[in-house]
């Protein structure tokens, strides 16, 4: 009885240290959490940028300058003496 209790106690101690949610996995989980949080911040910024672009291109009240710029840029309708300012990529 004492041997099985000791074996169970050692097993639980081993899992507490080296198990999937043990002390050794703690730093890895913390690092992954930091990566995911940075990824969420990046995705939120990209979503906000795209939402702003959608709002500017809304057919009910589209920004004429942006529409003209996108048409000229995407349809290769830029005259040699014109300068097209593009939106920065968020990479």
C-alpha atoms as a PDB file:
ATOM      1  CA  UNK A   1       0.000   0.000   0.000  1.00  0.00           C
ATOM      2  CA  UNK A   2       2.780   2.439   0.907  1.00  0.00           C
ATOM      3  CA  UNK A   3       4.740   1.525  -2.224  1.00  0.00           C
ATOM      4  CA  UNK A   4       1.765   2.246  -4.499  1.00  0.00           C
ATOM      5  CA  UNK A   5       1.074   5.531  -2.677  1.00  0.00           C
ATOM      6  CA  UNK A   6       4.736   6.529  -3.087  1.00  0.00           C
ATOM      7  CA  UNK A   7       4.672   5.545  -6.775  1.00  0.00           C
ATOM      8  CA  UNK A   8       1.514   7.613  -7.306  1.00  0.00           C
ATOM      9  CA  UNK A   9       3.061  10.567  -5.494  1.00  0.00           C
ATOM     10  CA  UNK A  10       6.213  10.340  -7.628  1.00  0.00           C
ATOM     11  CA  UNK A  11       4.118  10.119 -10.779  1.00  0.00           C
ATOM     12  CA  UNK A  12       2.153  13.234  -9.831  1.00  0.00           C
ATOM     13  CA  UNK A  13       5.381  15.074  -8.988  1.00  0.00           C
ATOM     14  CA  UNK A  14       6.845  14.071 -12.348  1.00  0.00           C
ATOM     15  CA  UNK A  15       3.771  15.317 -14.182  1.00  0.00           C
ATOM     16  CA  UNK A  16       3.843  18.582 -12.218  1.00  0.00           C
ATOM     17  CA  UNK A  17       7.396  19.168 -13.414  1.00  0.00           C
ATOM     18  CA  UNK A  18       7.574  17.627 -16.902  1.00  0.00           C
ATOM     19  CA  UNK A  19       3.926  17.205 -17.889  1.00  0.00           C
ATOM     20  CA  UNK A  20       2.157  19.089 -20.691  1.00  0.00           C
ATOM     21  CA  UNK A  21       1.145  21.854 -18.278  1.00  0.00           C
ATOM     22  CA  UNK A  22       4.057  21.452 -15.863  1.00  0.00           C
ATOM     23  CA  UNK A  23       6.848  23.772 -14.876  1.00  0.00           C
ATOM     24  CA  UNK A  24       9.049  22.916 -17.862  1.00  0.00           C
ATOM     25  CA  UNK A  25       6.248  23.720 -20.315  1.00  0.00           C
ATOM     26  CA  UNK A  26       5.434  27.016 -18.587  1.00  0.00           C
ATOM     27  CA  UNK A  27       8.047  29.098 -20.429  1.00  0.00           C
ATOM     28  CA  UNK A  28       7.073  27.613 -23.795  1.00  0.00           C
ATOM     29  CA  UNK A  29       3.403  28.379 -23.134  1.00  0.00           C
ATOM     30  CA  UNK A  30       4.313  31.905 -22.055  1.00  0.00           C
ATOM     31  CA  UNK A  31       6.356  32.440 -25.235  1.00  0.00           C
ATOM     32  CA  UNK A  32       3.507  31.142 -27.402  1.00  0.00           C
ATOM     33  CA  UNK A  33       1.066  33.429 -25.603  1.00  0.00           C
ATOM     34  CA  UNK A  34       3.303  36.440 -26.288  1.00  0.00           C
ATOM     35  CA  UNK A  35       3.528  35.464 -29.973  1.00  0.00           C
ATOM     36  CA  UNK A  36      -0.237  35.090 -30.264  1.00  0.00           C
ATOM     37  CA  UNK A  37      -0.836  38.436 -28.554  1.00  0.00           C
ATOM     38  CA  UNK A  38       1.556  40.162 -30.970  1.00  0.00           C
ATOM     39  CA  UNK A  39      -0.214  38.450 -33.862  1.00  0.00           C
ATOM     40  CA  UNK A  40      -3.591  39.646 -32.569  1.00  0.00           C
ATOM     41  CA  UNK A  41      -2.299  43.234 -32.332  1.00  0.00           C
ATOM     42  CA  UNK A  42      -1.015  43.019 -35.910  1.00  0.00           C
ATOM     43  CA  UNK A  43      -4.282  41.559 -37.198  1.00  0.00           C
ATOM     44  CA  UNK A  44      -6.358  44.188 -35.385  1.00  0.00           C
ATOM     45  CA  UNK A  45      -4.258  46.939 -37.005  1.00  0.00           C
ATOM     46  CA  UNK A  46      -4.700  45.324 -40.432  1.00  0.00           C
ATOM     47  CA  UNK A  47      -8.450  44.968 -39.851  1.00  0.00           C
ATOM     48  CA  UNK A  48      -8.711  48.631 -38.855  1.00  0.00           C
ATOM     49  CA  UNK A  49      -6.752  49.694 -41.942  1.00  0.00           C
ATOM     50  CA  UNK A  50      -9.009  47.634 -44.201  1.00  0.00           C
ATOM     51  CA  UNK A  51     -12.143  48.916 -42.453  1.00  0.00           C
ATOM     52  CA  UNK A  52     -10.979  52.482 -43.070  1.00  0.00           C
ATOM     53  CA  UNK A  53     -10.411  51.651 -46.747  1.00  0.00           C
ATOM     54  CA  UNK A  54     -13.880  50.096 -46.985  1.00  0.00           C
ATOM     55  CA  UNK A  55     -15.407  53.190 -45.372  1.00  0.00           C
ATOM     56  CA  UNK A  56     -13.589  55.442 -47.845  1.00  0.00           C
ATOM     57  CA  UNK A  57     -14.817  53.338 -50.774  1.00  0.00           C
ATOM     58  CA  UNK A  58     -18.433  53.103 -49.612  1.00  0.00           C
ATOM     59  CA  UNK A  59     -20.606  53.686 -52.726  1.00  0.00           C
ATOM     60  CA  UNK A  60     -22.921  56.036 -50.809  1.00  0.00           C
ATOM     61  CA  UNK A  61     -20.126  58.495 -50.004  1.00  0.00           C
ATOM     62  CA  UNK A  62     -16.878  57.357 -51.613  1.00  0.00           C
ATOM     63  CA  UNK A  63     -13.779  59.502 -51.309  1.00  0.00           C
ATOM     64  CA  UNK A  64     -13.342  60.833 -54.842  1.00  0.00           C
ATOM     65  CA  UNK A  65      -9.577  61.241 -54.565  1.00  0.00           C
ATOM     66  CA  UNK A  66      -9.070  57.660 -53.392  1.00  0.00           C
ATOM     67  CA  UNK A  67     -11.371  56.247 -56.064  1.00  0.00           C
ATOM     68  CA  UNK A  68      -9.580  58.217 -58.758  1.00  0.00           C
ATOM     69  CA  UNK A  69      -6.180  57.143 -57.430  1.00  0.00           C
ATOM     70  CA  UNK A  70      -7.145  53.456 -57.306  1.00  0.00           C
ATOM     71  CA  UNK A  71      -8.671  53.544 -60.782  1.00  0.00           C
ATOM     72  CA  UNK A  72      -5.613  55.161 -62.261  1.00  0.00           C
ATOM     73  CA  UNK A  73      -3.236  52.835 -60.443  1.00  0.00           C
ATOM     74  CA  UNK A  74      -5.102  49.575 -61.086  1.00  0.00           C
ATOM     75  CA  UNK A  75      -6.115  50.353 -64.665  1.00  0.00           C
ATOM     76  CA  UNK A  76      -2.728  51.772 -65.672  1.00  0.00           C
ATOM     77  CA  UNK A  77      -4.336  55.076 -66.564  1.00  0.00           C
ATOM     78  CA  UNK A  78      -1.604  57.275 -65.120  1.00  0.00           C
ATOM     79  CA  UNK A  79      -0.271  60.039 -67.302  1.00  0.00           C
ATOM     80  CA  UNK A  80       3.515  60.501 -67.432  1.00  0.00           C
ATOM     81  CA  UNK A  81       3.287  63.860 -65.647  1.00  0.00           C
ATOM     82  CA  UNK A  82       1.157  62.535 -62.763  1.00  0.00           C
ATOM     83  CA  UNK A  83       2.309  61.207 -59.425  1.00  0.00           C
ATOM     84  CA  UNK A  84       0.275  58.478 -57.726  1.00  0.00           C
ATOM     85  CA  UNK A  85       0.587  58.259 -53.972  1.00  0.00           C
ATOM     86  CA  UNK A  86      -0.124  54.757 -52.730  1.00  0.00           C
ATOM     87  CA  UNK A  87      -1.218  53.512 -49.342  1.00  0.00           C
ATOM     88  CA  UNK A  88       1.648  51.968 -47.408  1.00  0.00           C
ATOM     89  CA  UNK A  89       1.647  48.195 -47.111  1.00  0.00           C
ATOM     90  CA  UNK A  90       1.215  46.960 -43.564  1.00  0.00           C
ATOM     91  CA  UNK A  91       3.771  44.174 -43.728  1.00  0.00           C
END
